[in-house]
C-alpha atoms as a PDB file:
ATOM      1  CA  MET A   1     -52.717 -41.662   6.195  1.00  0.00           C
ATOM      2  CA  THR A   2     -52.409 -37.971   7.115  1.00  0.00           C
ATOM      3  CA  GLU A   3     -49.149 -36.517   5.812  1.00  0.00           C
ATOM      4  CA  ARG A   4     -46.804 -35.337   8.538  1.00  0.00           C
ATOM      5  CA  ILE A   5     -44.908 -32.079   8.150  1.00  0.00           C
ATOM      6  CA  LEU A   6     -41.950 -31.334  10.425  1.00  0.00           C
ATOM      7  CA  VAL A   7     -42.061 -27.697  11.529  1.00  0.00           C
ATOM      8  CA  THR A   8     -38.804 -26.419  12.983  1.00  0.00           C
ATOM      9  CA  GLY A   9     -39.476 -23.446  15.237  1.00  0.00           C
ATOM     10  CA  GLY A  10     -43.114 -24.524  15.485  1.00  0.00           C
ATOM     11  CA  ALA A  11     -43.386 -23.078  19.006  1.00  0.00           C
ATOM     12  CA  GLY A  12     -42.450 -19.621  17.765  1.00  0.00           C
ATOM     13  CA  TYR A  13     -44.597 -16.785  16.481  1.00  0.00           C
ATOM     14  CA  ILE A  14     -44.720 -17.663  12.774  1.00  0.00           C
ATOM     15  CA  GLY A  15     -44.190 -21.402  13.225  1.00  0.00           C
ATOM     16  CA  ALA A  16     -47.152 -21.786  15.574  1.00  0.00           C
ATOM     17  CA  HIS A  17     -49.439 -19.955  13.142  1.00  0.00           C
ATOM     18  CA  ALA A  18     -48.162 -22.267  10.398  1.00  0.00           C
ATOM     19  CA  CYS A  19     -48.933 -25.340  12.513  1.00  0.00           C
ATOM     20  CA  LYS A  20     -52.520 -24.169  12.979  1.00  0.00           C
ATOM     21  CA  ALA A  21     -52.871 -23.597   9.238  1.00  0.00           C
ATOM     22  CA  LEU A  22     -51.362 -27.001   8.443  1.00  0.00           C
ATOM     23  CA  ALA A  23     -53.738 -28.784  10.818  1.00  0.00           C
ATOM     24  CA  ARG A  24     -56.717 -26.963   9.285  1.00  0.00           C
ATOM     25  CA  ALA A  25     -55.528 -28.046   5.840  1.00  0.00           C
ATOM     26  CA  GLY A  26     -55.479 -31.721   6.876  1.00  0.00           C
ATOM     27  CA  TYR A  27     -51.784 -32.223   7.634  1.00  0.00           C
ATOM     28  CA  GLU A  28     -50.246 -33.309  10.931  1.00  0.00           C
ATOM     29  CA  PRO A  29     -47.673 -30.697  11.980  1.00  0.00           C
ATOM     30  CA  VAL A  30     -44.838 -32.057  14.142  1.00  0.00           C
ATOM     31  CA  THR A  31     -43.130 -29.222  16.022  1.00  0.00           C
ATOM     32  CA  PHE A  32     -39.355 -29.413  16.543  1.00  0.00           C
ATOM     33  CA  ASP A  33     -38.218 -26.591  18.828  1.00  0.00           C
ATOM     34  CA  ASN A  34     -35.680 -26.007  21.596  1.00  0.00           C
ATOM     35  CA  LEU A  35     -37.931 -23.366  23.247  1.00  0.00           C
ATOM     36  CA  SER A  36     -35.090 -20.840  23.368  1.00  0.00           C
ATOM     37  CA  THR A  37     -37.445 -18.260  21.874  1.00  0.00           C
ATOM     38  CA  GLY A  38     -40.655 -20.276  21.432  1.00  0.00           C
ATOM     39  CA  TRP A  39     -43.505 -21.028  23.820  1.00  0.00           C
ATOM     40  CA  ALA A  40     -44.554 -24.548  24.810  1.00  0.00           C
ATOM     41  CA  ASP A  41     -48.204 -23.509  25.184  1.00  0.00           C
ATOM     42  CA  ALA A  42     -48.254 -22.458  21.520  1.00  0.00           C
ATOM     43  CA  VAL A  43     -47.793 -26.102  20.491  1.00  0.00           C
ATOM     44  CA  ARG A  44     -51.371 -27.320  20.367  1.00  0.00           C
ATOM     45  CA  PHE A  45     -52.007 -28.510  16.819  1.00  0.00           C
ATOM     46  CA  GLY A  46     -49.850 -31.651  16.658  1.00  0.00           C
ATOM     47  CA  PRO A  47     -47.007 -33.554  18.355  1.00  0.00           C
ATOM     48  CA  PHE A  48     -44.107 -31.732  20.032  1.00  0.00           C
ATOM     49  CA  GLU A  49     -40.505 -32.906  19.846  1.00  0.00           C
ATOM     50  CA  ARG A  50     -38.145 -30.807  21.913  1.00  0.00           C
ATOM     51  CA  GLY A  51     -34.713 -30.627  20.367  1.00  0.00           C
ATOM     52  CA  ASP A  52     -31.978 -28.442  18.910  1.00  0.00           C
ATOM     53  CA  LEU A  53     -30.797 -28.183  15.316  1.00  0.00           C
ATOM     54  CA  LEU A  54     -27.231 -28.368  16.608  1.00  0.00           C
ATOM     55  CA  ASP A  55     -27.940 -31.901  17.903  1.00  0.00           C
ATOM     56  CA  PRO A  56     -27.731 -34.200  14.840  1.00  0.00           C
ATOM     57  CA  GLU A  57     -28.553 -37.339  16.821  1.00  0.00           C
ATOM     58  CA  ARG A  58     -31.790 -35.849  18.140  1.00  0.00           C
ATOM     59  CA  LEU A  59     -32.726 -34.663  14.664  1.00  0.00           C
ATOM     60  CA  ALA A  60     -32.099 -38.124  13.226  1.00  0.00           C
ATOM     61  CA  GLU A  61     -34.218 -39.713  15.956  1.00  0.00           C
ATOM     62  CA  VAL A  62     -37.171 -37.388  15.294  1.00  0.00           C
ATOM     63  CA  MET A  63     -36.924 -37.792  11.529  1.00  0.00           C
ATOM     64  CA  ALA A  64     -36.850 -41.577  11.825  1.00  0.00           C
ATOM     65  CA  ARG A  65     -39.879 -41.616  14.139  1.00  0.00           C
ATOM     66  CA  HIS A  66     -42.149 -39.310  12.131  1.00  0.00           C
ATOM     67  CA  ARG A  67     -40.919 -39.751   8.536  1.00  0.00           C
ATOM     68  CA  PRO A  68     -42.246 -36.342   7.426  1.00  0.00           C
ATOM     69  CA  ALA A  69     -43.317 -35.719   3.839  1.00  0.00           C
ATOM     70  CA  ALA A  70     -41.691 -32.277   3.988  1.00  0.00           C
ATOM     71  CA  VAL A  71     -40.078 -29.782   6.364  1.00  0.00           C
ATOM     72  CA  LEU A  72     -41.158 -26.211   7.067  1.00  0.00           C
ATOM     73  CA  HIS A  73     -37.998 -24.612   8.422  1.00  0.00           C
ATOM     74  CA  PHE A  74     -38.629 -21.535  10.587  1.00  0.00           C
ATOM     75  CA  ALA A  75     -36.101 -22.067  13.393  1.00  0.00           C
ATOM     76  CA  ALA A  76     -33.394 -19.383  13.453  1.00  0.00           C
ATOM     77  CA  LEU A  77     -31.867 -16.594  15.480  1.00  0.00           C
ATOM     78  CA  SER A  78     -33.117 -13.321  14.031  1.00  0.00           C
ATOM     79  CA  GLN A  79     -32.138 -10.254  16.093  1.00  0.00           C
ATOM     80  CA  VAL A  80     -30.218  -7.829  13.907  1.00  0.00           C
ATOM     81  CA  GLY A  81     -28.580  -5.985  16.803  1.00  0.00           C
ATOM     82  CA  GLU A  82     -27.343  -9.190  18.418  1.00  0.00           C
ATOM     83  CA  ALA A  83     -26.137 -10.466  15.044  1.00  0.00           C
ATOM     84  CA  ALA A  84     -23.926  -7.382  14.752  1.00  0.00           C
ATOM     85  CA  ARG A  85     -22.410  -8.028  18.198  1.00  0.00           C
ATOM     86  CA  ILE A  86     -22.151 -11.839  18.124  1.00  0.00           C
ATOM     87  CA  PRO A  87     -21.928 -12.917  14.471  1.00  0.00           C
ATOM     88  CA  GLY A  88     -20.502 -16.354  15.269  1.00  0.00           C
ATOM     89  CA  ARG A  89     -23.652 -17.337  17.114  1.00  0.00           C
ATOM     90  CA  TYR A  90     -25.707 -16.652  13.998  1.00  0.00           C
ATOM     91  CA  TRP A  91     -23.435 -18.532  11.630  1.00  0.00           C
ATOM     92  CA  ARG A  92     -23.306 -21.519  13.962  1.00  0.00           C
ATOM     93  CA  ASN A  93     -27.002 -21.712  14.813  1.00  0.00           C
ATOM     94  CA  ASN A  94     -28.548 -20.747  11.486  1.00  0.00           C
ATOM     95  CA  VAL A  95     -26.126 -22.246   8.963  1.00  0.00           C
ATOM     96  CA  THR A  96     -24.737 -25.279  10.788  1.00  0.00           C
ATOM     97  CA  GLY A  97     -28.179 -26.032  12.216  1.00  0.00           C
ATOM     98  CA  THR A  98     -29.734 -25.988   8.759  1.00  0.00           C
ATOM     99  CA  LEU A  99     -27.026 -28.257   7.340  1.00  0.00           C
ATOM    100  CA  ASN A 100     -27.759 -30.720  10.147  1.00  0.00           C
ATOM    101  CA  LEU A 101     -31.470 -30.495   9.325  1.00  0.00           C
ATOM    102  CA  VAL A 102     -30.968 -31.081   5.603  1.00  0.00           C
ATOM    103  CA  GLU A 103     -28.726 -34.083   6.164  1.00  0.00           C
ATOM    104  CA  ALA A 104     -31.105 -35.622   8.720  1.00  0.00           C
ATOM    105  CA  ALA A 105     -34.076 -35.082   6.404  1.00  0.00           C
ATOM    106  CA  LEU A 106     -32.322 -36.666   3.438  1.00  0.00           C
ATOM    107  CA  ALA A 107     -31.210 -39.629   5.545  1.00  0.00           C
ATOM    108  CA  ALA A 108     -34.892 -40.186   6.452  1.00  0.00           C
ATOM    109  CA  GLY A 109     -36.012 -39.983   2.829  1.00  0.00           C
ATOM    110  CA  CYS A 110     -37.446 -36.450   3.048  1.00  0.00           C
ATOM    111  CA  ASP A 111     -36.267 -34.241   0.201  1.00  0.00           C
ATOM    112  CA  ARG A 112     -38.715 -31.296   0.322  1.00  0.00           C
ATOM    113  CA  ILE A 113     -38.062 -28.161   2.393  1.00  0.00           C
ATOM    114  CA  VAL A 114     -39.906 -24.864   2.674  1.00  0.00           C
ATOM    115  CA  PHE A 115     -37.351 -22.388   4.013  1.00  0.00           C
ATOM    116  CA  SER A 116     -37.946 -19.170   5.923  1.00  0.00           C
ATOM    117  CA  SER A 117     -35.464 -16.649   4.535  1.00  0.00           C
ATOM    118  CA  THR A 118     -35.532 -12.865   4.804  1.00  0.00           C
ATOM    119  CA  CYS A 119     -35.461  -9.616   2.861  1.00  0.00           C
ATOM    120  CA  ALA A 120     -32.353  -8.835   4.956  1.00  0.00           C
ATOM    121  CA  THR A 121     -30.400 -10.847   2.373  1.00  0.00           C
ATOM    122  CA  TYR A 122     -30.818  -7.899  -0.028  1.00  0.00           C
ATOM    123  CA  GLY A 123     -29.125  -5.327   2.186  1.00  0.00           C
ATOM    124  CA  ASP A 124     -29.650  -1.613   1.555  1.00  0.00           C
ATOM    125  CA  HIS A 125     -30.555  -0.622  -2.013  1.00  0.00           C
ATOM    126  CA  ASP A 126     -31.432   3.053  -1.509  1.00  0.00           C
ATOM    127  CA  GLY A 127     -35.169   2.481  -1.275  1.00  0.00           C
ATOM    128  CA  ILE A 128     -35.790   0.677  -4.570  1.00  0.00           C
ATOM    129  CA  LEU A 129     -38.532  -1.937  -4.707  1.00  0.00           C
ATOM    130  CA  LEU A 130     -36.884  -5.312  -4.211  1.00  0.00           C
ATOM    131  CA  ASP A 131     -37.754  -8.259  -6.413  1.00  0.00           C
ATOM    132  CA  GLU A 132     -36.315 -11.761  -6.474  1.00  0.00           C
ATOM    133  CA  SER A 133     -33.613 -10.747  -8.964  1.00  0.00           C
ATOM    134  CA  THR A 134     -32.287  -7.839  -6.874  1.00  0.00           C
ATOM    135  CA  PRO A 135     -28.604  -8.438  -5.957  1.00  0.00           C
ATOM    136  CA  GLN A 136     -28.167  -9.770  -2.419  1.00  0.00           C
ATOM    137  CA  ARG A 137     -25.773  -7.712  -0.307  1.00  0.00           C
ATOM    138  CA  PRO A 138     -26.656  -8.394   3.354  1.00  0.00           C
ATOM    139  CA  THR A 139     -25.399  -5.839   5.869  1.00  0.00           C
ATOM    140  CA  ASN A 140     -25.464  -8.017   8.992  1.00  0.00           C
ATOM    141  CA  ALA A 141     -24.707 -11.561  10.108  1.00  0.00           C
ATOM    142  CA  TYR A 142     -28.401 -12.438  10.280  1.00  0.00           C
ATOM    143  CA  GLY A 143     -28.978 -11.635   6.615  1.00  0.00           C
ATOM    144  CA  ALA A 144     -25.628 -13.148   5.637  1.00  0.00           C
ATOM    145  CA  SER A 145     -26.426 -16.424   7.392  1.00  0.00           C
ATOM    146  CA  LYS A 146     -29.784 -16.656   5.609  1.00  0.00           C
ATOM    147  CA  ARG A 147     -28.119 -15.889   2.278  1.00  0.00           C
ATOM    148  CA  ALA A 148     -25.632 -18.702   2.968  1.00  0.00           C
ATOM    149  CA  ILE A 149     -28.501 -21.118   3.653  1.00  0.00           C
ATOM    150  CA  GLU A 150     -30.130 -20.125   0.371  1.00  0.00           C
ATOM    151  CA  ASP A 151     -26.857 -20.967  -1.389  1.00  0.00           C
ATOM    152  CA  MET A 152     -26.645 -24.259   0.503  1.00  0.00           C
ATOM    153  CA  LEU A 153     -30.155 -25.307  -0.491  1.00  0.00           C
ATOM    154  CA  GLY A 154     -29.381 -24.306  -4.051  1.00  0.00           C
ATOM    155  CA  ASN A 155     -26.304 -26.563  -4.070  1.00  0.00           C
ATOM    156  CA  PHE A 156     -28.330 -29.531  -2.782  1.00  0.00           C
ATOM    157  CA  ALA A 157     -31.043 -28.840  -5.366  1.00  0.00           C
ATOM    158  CA  GLU A 158     -28.495 -28.607  -8.197  1.00  0.00           C
ATOM    159  CA  ALA A 159     -27.124 -31.977  -7.092  1.00  0.00           C
ATOM    160  CA  GLY A 160     -30.620 -33.440  -7.432  1.00  0.00           C
ATOM    161  CA  LEU A 161     -30.837 -34.235  -3.718  1.00  0.00           C
ATOM    162  CA  LEU A 162     -33.735 -32.031  -2.649  1.00  0.00           C
ATOM    163  CA  ARG A 163     -36.316 -29.497  -3.786  1.00  0.00           C
ATOM    164  CA  HIS A 164     -37.039 -26.330  -1.849  1.00  0.00           C
ATOM    165  CA  VAL A 165     -39.307 -23.326  -1.804  1.00  0.00           C
ATOM    166  CA  THR A 166     -37.538 -20.383  -0.220  1.00  0.00           C
ATOM    167  CA  PHE A 167     -39.534 -17.392   1.014  1.00  0.00           C
ATOM    168  CA  ARG A 168     -37.826 -14.064   1.619  1.00  0.00           C
ATOM    169  CA  TYR A 169     -39.982 -12.438   4.286  1.00  0.00           C
ATOM    170  CA  PHE A 170     -40.528  -8.778   4.736  1.00  0.00           C
ATOM    171  CA  ASN A 171     -41.766  -7.691   8.194  1.00  0.00           C
ATOM    172  CA  VAL A 172     -44.261 -10.136   9.690  1.00  0.00           C
ATOM    173  CA  VAL A 173     -46.883  -8.679  12.053  1.00  0.00           C
ATOM    174  CA  GLY A 174     -50.419  -9.265  13.268  1.00  0.00           C
ATOM    175  CA  ALA A 175     -52.045 -12.167  15.079  1.00  0.00           C
ATOM    176  CA  ASP A 176     -54.501 -15.002  14.632  1.00  0.00           C
ATOM    177  CA  PRO A 177     -57.934 -13.328  14.314  1.00  0.00           C
ATOM    178  CA  GLU A 178     -59.458 -16.094  16.460  1.00  0.00           C
ATOM    179  CA  GLY A 179     -57.167 -15.143  19.347  1.00  0.00           C
ATOM    180  CA  ASP A 180     -55.357 -18.487  19.642  1.00  0.00           C
ATOM    181  CA  LEU A 181     -51.911 -17.127  18.808  1.00  0.00           C
ATOM    182  CA  GLY A 182     -50.054 -13.841  18.567  1.00  0.00           C
ATOM    183  CA  GLU A 183     -46.694 -12.140  18.623  1.00  0.00           C
ATOM    184  CA  GLN A 184     -44.571 -12.175  21.760  1.00  0.00           C
ATOM    185  CA  HIS A 185     -40.866 -12.645  22.329  1.00  0.00           C
ATOM    186  CA  ASP A 186     -38.555 -12.786  25.326  1.00  0.00           C
ATOM    187  CA  PRO A 187     -36.823 -10.380  25.240  1.00  0.00           C
ATOM    188  CA  GLU A 188     -39.235  -8.345  23.168  1.00  0.00           C
ATOM    189  CA  THR A 189     -37.505  -6.552  20.283  1.00  0.00           C
ATOM    190  CA  HIS A 190     -40.279  -6.265  17.676  1.00  0.00           C
ATOM    191  CA  LEU A 191     -41.956  -2.987  16.805  1.00  0.00           C
ATOM    192  CA  VAL A 192     -45.686  -3.746  17.116  1.00  0.00           C
ATOM    193  CA  PRO A 193     -45.605  -5.443  20.560  1.00  0.00           C
ATOM    194  CA  LEU A 194     -43.245  -2.726  21.808  1.00  0.00           C
ATOM    195  CA  MET A 195     -45.632  -0.004  20.630  1.00  0.00           C
ATOM    196  CA  PHE A 196     -48.593  -1.613  22.354  1.00  0.00           C
ATOM    197  CA  ASP A 197     -46.622  -2.163  25.561  1.00  0.00           C
ATOM    198  CA  ALA A 198     -45.695   1.522  25.563  1.00  0.00           C
ATOM    199  CA  ALA A 199     -49.304   2.548  24.910  1.00  0.00           C
ATOM    200  CA  LEU A 200     -50.472   0.412  27.836  1.00  0.00           C
ATOM    201  CA  GLY A 201     -47.754   1.670  30.182  1.00  0.00           C
ATOM    202  CA  ARG A 202     -46.048  -1.735  30.392  1.00  0.00           C
ATOM    203  CA  ARG A 203     -42.862   0.041  29.358  1.00  0.00           C
ATOM    204  CA  ALA A 204     -41.946   3.696  29.707  1.00  0.00           C
ATOM    205  CA  ALA A 205     -41.600   4.424  25.996  1.00  0.00           C
ATOM    206  CA  LEU A 206     -40.856   3.037  22.559  1.00  0.00           C
ATOM    207  CA  THR A 207     -37.342   3.749  21.333  1.00  0.00           C
ATOM    208  CA  ILE A 208     -37.073   4.815  17.689  1.00  0.00           C
ATOM    209  CA  PHE A 209     -33.680   3.603  16.491  1.00  0.00           C
ATOM    210  CA  GLY A 210     -32.572   6.318  14.101  1.00  0.00           C
ATOM    211  CA  THR A 211     -34.399   9.435  12.947  1.00  0.00           C
ATOM    212  CA  ASP A 212     -31.900  10.577  10.306  1.00  0.00           C
ATOM    213  CA  TYR A 213     -32.420   7.983   7.589  1.00  0.00           C
ATOM    214  CA  PRO A 214     -32.911   9.212   3.985  1.00  0.00           C
ATOM    215  CA  THR A 215     -36.696   8.700   4.199  1.00  0.00           C
ATOM    216  CA  PRO A 216     -39.528  11.282   4.262  1.00  0.00           C
ATOM    217  CA  ASP A 217     -39.715  11.385   8.081  1.00  0.00           C
ATOM    218  CA  GLY A 218     -36.193  10.140   8.878  1.00  0.00           C
ATOM    219  CA  THR A 219     -37.266   6.743  10.227  1.00  0.00           C
ATOM    220  CA  CYS A 220     -36.841   3.307   8.658  1.00  0.00           C
ATOM    221  CA  ILE A 221     -39.427   2.103   6.152  1.00  0.00           C
ATOM    222  CA  ARG A 222     -40.532  -1.534   6.099  1.00  0.00           C
ATOM    223  CA  ASP A 223     -43.089  -3.671   4.260  1.00  0.00           C
ATOM    224  CA  TYR A 224     -45.485  -5.269   6.797  1.00  0.00           C
ATOM    225  CA  VAL A 225     -47.359  -8.499   5.997  1.00  0.00           C
ATOM    226  CA  HIS A 226     -49.986 -10.190   8.182  1.00  0.00           C
ATOM    227  CA  VAL A 227     -48.758 -13.450   9.688  1.00  0.00           C
ATOM    228  CA  CYS A 228     -51.854 -15.324   8.458  1.00  0.00           C
ATOM    229  CA  ASP A 229     -51.260 -14.124   4.896  1.00  0.00           C
ATOM    230  CA  LEU A 230     -47.655 -15.237   5.221  1.00  0.00           C
ATOM    231  CA  VAL A 231     -48.425 -18.753   6.425  1.00  0.00           C
ATOM    232  CA  GLY A 232     -50.962 -19.061   3.640  1.00  0.00           C
ATOM    233  CA  ALA A 233     -48.051 -18.715   1.230  1.00  0.00           C
ATOM    234  CA  HIS A 234     -46.287 -21.560   3.020  1.00  0.00           C
ATOM    235  CA  LEU A 235     -49.169 -23.921   2.361  1.00  0.00           C
ATOM    236  CA  LEU A 236     -49.050 -22.955  -1.318  1.00  0.00           C
ATOM    237  CA  GLY A 237     -45.294 -23.534  -1.374  1.00  0.00           C
ATOM    238  CA  LEU A 238     -45.708 -26.877   0.347  1.00  0.00           C
ATOM    239  CA  GLU A 239     -48.347 -27.926  -2.164  1.00  0.00           C
ATOM    240  CA  ARG A 240     -45.979 -26.951  -4.975  1.00  0.00           C
ATOM    241  CA  LEU A 241     -43.334 -29.322  -3.640  1.00  0.00           C
ATOM    242  CA  LEU A 242     -45.727 -32.165  -2.812  1.00  0.00           C
ATOM    243  CA  SER A 243     -47.120 -32.025  -6.348  1.00  0.00           C
ATOM    244  CA  GLY A 244     -43.657 -32.327  -7.877  1.00  0.00           C
ATOM    245  CA  GLY A 245     -42.862 -28.648  -8.459  1.00  0.00           C
ATOM    246  CA  GLU A 246     -39.270 -27.523  -8.795  1.00  0.00           C
ATOM    247  CA  SER A 247     -37.270 -25.339  -6.421  1.00  0.00           C
ATOM    248  CA  ARG A 248     -38.139 -21.639  -6.404  1.00  0.00           C
ATOM    249  CA  VAL A 249     -37.494 -18.420  -4.448  1.00  0.00           C
ATOM    250  CA  TYR A 250     -40.261 -15.923  -3.646  1.00  0.00           C
ATOM    251  CA  ASN A 251     -40.554 -12.578  -1.886  1.00  0.00           C
ATOM    252  CA  LEU A 252     -43.388 -12.315   0.637  1.00  0.00           C
ATOM    253  CA  GLY A 253     -44.367  -8.685   1.044  1.00  0.00           C
ATOM    254  CA  THR A 254     -47.236  -6.362   0.195  1.00  0.00           C
ATOM    255  CA  GLY A 255     -45.372  -3.882  -1.987  1.00  0.00           C
ATOM    256  CA  ARG A 256     -46.276  -1.003   0.359  1.00  0.00           C
ATOM    257  CA  GLY A 257     -43.886   0.421   2.928  1.00  0.00           C
ATOM    258  CA  PHE A 258     -44.578   2.257   6.179  1.00  0.00           C
ATOM    259  CA  SER A 259     -42.121   4.206   8.297  1.00  0.00           C
ATOM    260  CA  VAL A 260     -41.732   3.686  12.033  1.00  0.00           C
ATOM    261  CA  ARG A 261     -43.541   6.965  12.653  1.00  0.00           C
ATOM    262  CA  GLU A 262     -46.388   5.895  10.346  1.00  0.00           C
ATOM    263  CA  MET A 263     -46.672   2.632  12.271  1.00  0.00           C
ATOM    264  CA  ILE A 264     -46.864   4.551  15.526  1.00  0.00           C
ATOM    265  CA  GLY A 265     -49.672   6.667  14.065  1.00  0.00           C
ATOM    266  CA  ALA A 266     -51.563   3.515  13.015  1.00  0.00           C
ATOM    267  CA  ALA A 267     -51.143   2.027  16.501  1.00  0.00           C
ATOM    268  CA  GLU A 268     -52.497   5.187  18.102  1.00  0.00           C
ATOM    269  CA  ARG A 269     -55.537   5.164  15.824  1.00  0.00           C
ATOM    270  CA  VAL A 270     -56.347   1.527  16.615  1.00  0.00           C
ATOM    271  CA  THR A 271     -55.756   1.761  20.371  1.00  0.00           C
ATOM    272  CA  GLY A 272     -57.002   5.277  20.997  1.00  0.00           C
ATOM    273  CA  LYS A 273     -53.906   5.723  23.126  1.00  0.00           C
ATOM    274  CA  THR A 274     -50.678   7.707  22.829  1.00  0.00           C
ATOM    275  CA  VAL A 275     -47.468   5.788  22.196  1.00  0.00           C
ATOM    276  CA  PRO A 276     -44.689   7.603  24.113  1.00  0.00           C
ATOM    277  CA  VAL A 277     -41.385   7.569  22.231  1.00  0.00           C
ATOM    278  CA  ILE A 278     -37.684   8.140  22.789  1.00  0.00           C
ATOM    279  CA  GLU A 279     -35.446   8.985  19.854  1.00  0.00           C
ATOM    280  CA  GLY A 280     -32.286   6.856  19.893  1.00  0.00           C
ATOM    281  CA  PRO A 281     -29.323   6.237  17.583  1.00  0.00           C
ATOM    282  CA  ARG A 282     -29.385   3.900  14.611  1.00  0.00           C
ATOM    283  CA  ARG A 283     -28.828   0.200  15.259  1.00  0.00           C
ATOM    284  CA  PRO A 284     -25.856  -1.384  13.491  1.00  0.00           C
ATOM    285  CA  GLY A 285     -26.946  -3.346  10.439  1.00  0.00           C
ATOM    286  CA  ASP A 286     -30.329  -1.649   9.932  1.00  0.00           C
ATOM    287  CA  CYS A 287     -31.269  -0.586   6.397  1.00  0.00           C
ATOM    288  CA  ALA A 288     -33.205   2.565   5.526  1.00  0.00           C
ATOM    289  CA  CYS A 289     -35.894   0.918   3.400  1.00  0.00           C
ATOM    290  CA  LEU A 290     -36.984  -2.650   2.639  1.00  0.00           C
ATOM    291  CA  VAL A 291     -40.086  -2.973   0.454  1.00  0.00           C
ATOM    292  CA  SER A 292     -41.016  -5.843  -1.853  1.00  0.00           C
ATOM    293  CA  GLY A 293     -41.571  -5.296  -5.544  1.00  0.00           C
ATOM    294  CA  GLY A 294     -41.743  -8.979  -6.429  1.00  0.00           C
ATOM    295  CA  ARG A 295     -44.942 -10.401  -7.953  1.00  0.00           C
ATOM    296  CA  ARG A 296     -43.636 -13.918  -8.537  1.00  0.00           C
ATOM    297  CA  ALA A 297     -45.569 -15.435  -5.610  1.00  0.00           C
ATOM    298  CA  GLU A 298     -48.810 -14.077  -7.044  1.00  0.00           C
ATOM    299  CA  ALA A 299     -48.027 -15.171 -10.591  1.00  0.00           C
ATOM    300  CA  GLU A 300     -46.846 -18.697  -9.757  1.00  0.00           C
ATOM    301  CA  LEU A 301     -48.553 -19.591  -6.460  1.00  0.00           C
ATOM    302  CA  GLY A 302     -51.638 -17.416  -6.622  1.00  0.00           C
ATOM    303  CA  TRP A 303     -50.649 -15.717  -3.357  1.00  0.00           C
ATOM    304  CA  VAL A 304     -52.115 -12.286  -2.635  1.00  0.00           C
ATOM    305  CA  PRO A 305     -51.696 -10.710   0.839  1.00  0.00           C
ATOM    306  CA  GLY A 306     -55.235  -9.497   1.453  1.00  0.00           C
ATOM    307  CA  ARG A 307     -55.082  -7.929   4.930  1.00  0.00           C
ATOM    308  CA  ALA A 308     -54.524  -4.171   5.152  1.00  0.00           C
ATOM    309  CA  LEU A 309     -52.519  -2.347   7.837  1.00  0.00           C
ATOM    310  CA  GLU A 310     -55.654  -1.508   9.829  1.00  0.00           C
ATOM    311  CA  THR A 311     -56.585  -5.212  10.009  1.00  0.00           C
ATOM    312  CA  ILE A 312     -53.038  -6.146  10.953  1.00  0.00           C
ATOM    313  CA  MET A 313     -53.066  -3.654  13.816  1.00  0.00           C
ATOM    314  CA  ALA A 314     -56.558  -4.583  15.000  1.00  0.00           C
ATOM    315  CA  ASP A 315     -55.740  -8.308  15.147  1.00  0.00           C
ATOM    316  CA  ALA A 316     -52.466  -7.633  16.959  1.00  0.00           C
ATOM    317  CA  TRP A 317     -54.147  -5.284  19.452  1.00  0.00           C
ATOM    318  CA  GLN A 318     -56.854  -7.846  20.221  1.00  0.00           C
ATOM    319  CA  TRP A 319     -54.189 -10.466  20.983  1.00  0.00           C
ATOM    320  CA  HIS A 320     -52.061  -8.046  22.998  1.00  0.00           C
ATOM    321  CA  GLN A 321     -54.890  -7.319  25.415  1.00  0.00           C
ATOM    322  CA  GLY A 322     -56.094 -10.916  25.697  1.00  0.00           C
ATOM    323  CA  PRO A 323     -55.347 -13.698  28.191  1.00  0.00           C
ATOM    324  CA  GLY A 324     -52.884 -15.434  25.849  1.00  0.00           C
ATOM    325  CA  TYR A 325     -50.422 -12.531  25.891  1.00  0.00           C
ATOM    326  CA  ALA A 326     -47.815 -12.951  28.614  1.00  0.00           C
ATOM    327  CA  GLY A 327     -45.780  -9.825  28.022  1.00  0.00           C
END
């Protein structure tokens, strides 16, 4: 029988790409999503169960019905600016929701979880390359909530109750090259869609939040990884758990950082259009530089992010202009 994998946040940007990859690999992805930030029309590769992680009874019902072999846990609130203003919402949704998920999974006999964490757990380390051993000092409630979940999963693993693969993402961008899926949010807060909207005149300009960071051009530097490369790592992590592998934490980044201004330049080259900009103040909780230096995922999982920035931008631009984009 085809193994079922519960995908929390499977209607969202990364989760939907993961569901497509799971289906292609022979699994049956079961999406669990409350559609607060996801899109119902992105759920097309397996069953859909609408529900909220803060509803333990609904979680228990879904777990009992599908009996998944493992969980891919993407569902979370993730806006840094909002996390600075409303930290309680992030602690409640991300941490309490994950505890509910873990307990429901264990009650249904599922003890394998692939968790979507973030490089925001590291905080600001003055531009050093970040590997999995770098001290974690998150600077906002989003990163702090993800760090707390990592600790929680570690406690359950130490107790012998579950095994997990935790991925600390750097910045995820790009789109499905076949045009089925892409990046869109409501409200839109992510750099690449905002740049393309500005280039197309769908918004007046892109706001650069902070031009006085200690970086070569004064704007934040981030490590950008193609969404399809990223979900490929999730299949490798899932296979590790299904084959009996122990719990492990991995960075998912390319090891190469680009500033906001460099990203704007790349967008202009791909689109042939000018991206109008407005220079604004820094956002609370933003770090100057987040770039991965970890090679553990390559050494242990065989994961290598193969898509360059030009490919990332081209795939995203194709999606942004297509009929699936509703921005």
